[in-house]
Protein backbone atom coordinates (compact mmCIF):
# COMPACT_ATOMS: atom_id res chain seq x y z
CA MET A 1 136.86 26.38 10.39
CA GLU A 2 138.46 24.17 12.08
CA MET A 3 138.96 20.60 11.05
CA ILE A 4 137.93 17.58 13.98
CA LEU A 5 140.44 14.81 13.32
CA ASN A 6 139.89 11.65 14.37
CA GLU A 7 143.19 8.72 16.09
CA TYR A 8 144.17 8.08 12.92
CA ASP A 9 144.43 12.40 11.82
CA MET A 10 141.67 11.77 9.61
CA VAL A 11 138.92 14.78 8.89
CA VAL A 12 135.61 13.27 10.33
CA GLY A 13 133.95 16.59 10.80
CA ALA A 14 134.66 20.60 11.76
CA LYS A 15 133.57 23.39 14.12
CA PHE A 16 133.04 26.93 13.42
CA GLU A 17 131.80 30.29 14.47
CA ASN A 18 128.32 29.24 13.90
CA GLY A 19 128.39 25.12 14.72
CA THR A 20 129.32 21.50 13.69
CA ILE A 21 129.33 19.40 11.24
CA GLN A 22 130.33 15.46 11.36
CA ASP A 23 130.57 13.47 8.54
CA TYR A 24 128.68 10.05 9.95
CA ILE A 25 126.29 9.63 12.97
CA ASP A 26 124.32 7.13 11.87
CA GLU A 27 126.31 3.41 12.84
CA ALA A 28 126.25 2.42 8.62
CA GLN A 29 128.03 5.38 8.26
CA THR A 30 125.69 6.77 5.74
CA PHE A 31 124.22 10.46 6.82
CA GLY A 32 125.78 12.85 8.83
CA LEU A 33 124.97 15.33 10.42
CA ILE A 34 124.89 19.50 10.42
CA ARG A 35 124.02 21.93 13.73
CA TYR A 36 123.52 25.60 12.91
CA GLU A 37 123.09 27.44 15.73
CA ALA A 38 119.13 26.58 16.61
CA THR A 39 119.09 24.57 13.70
CA THR A 40 119.90 20.29 12.93
CA ALA A 41 119.63 17.98 10.07
CA TYR A 42 121.16 15.50 8.12
CA TRP A 43 123.12 15.57 5.12
CA PHE A 44 125.45 13.22 2.44
CA LEU A 45 127.01 12.85 -0.78
CA TYR A 46 125.36 11.19 -3.75
CA ASN A 47 126.25 9.91 -7.49
CA ASP A 48 123.52 7.43 -9.43
CA LEU A 49 126.62 5.98 -11.10
CA ASP A 50 128.92 5.46 -7.42
CA SER A 51 127.59 5.25 -4.75
CA PRO A 52 126.86 1.91 -3.14
CA ASP A 53 123.79 0.30 -2.14
CA ASP A 54 123.16 1.43 0.66
CA ILE A 55 122.94 5.13 0.18
CA LYS A 56 120.97 4.41 -3.38
CA GLU A 57 118.24 3.35 -0.53
CA LEU A 58 118.88 6.20 1.55
CA TYR A 59 118.01 8.25 -1.18
CA LYS A 60 114.88 6.69 -1.95
CA LYS A 61 113.53 6.86 0.92
CA VAL A 62 114.50 11.01 1.50
CA ILE A 63 113.28 11.73 -1.80
CA LYS A 64 109.89 11.06 -1.11
CA GLU A 65 110.23 13.41 2.40
CA GLU A 66 111.09 17.02 3.21
CA HIS A 67 114.69 17.97 1.48
CA TYR A 68 116.72 19.69 -0.76
CA ILE A 69 119.17 19.16 -2.78
CA LYS A 70 122.04 20.59 -4.48
CA ASP A 71 123.26 18.91 -7.69
CA GLU A 72 126.72 19.48 -9.43
CA TYR A 73 127.77 18.06 -12.12
CA GLY A 74 125.98 14.93 -11.51
CA GLU A 75 127.00 14.35 -7.43
CA GLU A 76 124.03 15.84 -5.70
CA MET A 77 123.98 17.13 -1.34
CA VAL A 78 121.44 15.88 0.28
CA VAL A 79 119.99 17.90 3.24
CA PHE A 80 117.27 16.24 4.85
CA ASN A 81 115.12 16.38 8.33
CA LYS A 82 116.05 19.53 8.92
CA GLN A 83 114.71 20.92 11.87
CA GLY A 84 115.01 24.66 12.68
CA ASP A 85 114.38 28.19 10.97
CA THR A 86 117.71 28.23 9.34
CA PRO A 87 117.93 28.23 5.12
CA TYR A 88 118.32 25.10 3.44
CA GLU A 89 121.00 26.78 1.67
CA THR A 90 122.73 28.66 3.86
CA LEU A 91 123.12 25.00 5.32
CA VAL A 92 124.00 23.94 1.88
CA LYS A 93 126.38 26.92 1.64
CA THR A 94 128.28 26.09 5.08
CA LEU A 95 128.27 22.31 4.00
CA ASP A 96 129.88 22.92 0.32
CA SER A 97 132.22 25.39 2.10
CA TYR A 98 133.96 22.51 4.81
CA LEU A 99 134.23 20.05 2.02
CA ASP A 100 136.22 21.95 0.30
CA ASP A 101 138.40 22.93 3.35
CA GLU A 102 138.81 19.04 4.11
CA LEU A 103 139.24 18.65 0.10
CA ALA A 104 142.11 20.97 0.51
CA THR A 105 143.65 19.50 3.57
CA VAL A 106 143.60 16.09 1.82
CA TYR A 107 146.00 17.65 -0.93
């Protein structure tokens, strides 16, 4: 996975064999986009205790629609608005790999 950096050398996404990941695509910087082959979906991380109010509002909206949540010790990865045939599990596995790589570059 090749990290995409902004002008300040901060990770803002990644390119990989089957697609791309972007951290934030909306003006409020609340959710990102994953493209995996012919599938696209939005994603964000959510924690009931620590998420800002705009993320909490987005979470309330998303859980009323089709979505997928991977809960790992209270930190939830929320994937929604999926268009395409790639299973949610594949998207989440790819996002997990990206987040692990992103953390590794920070430390």
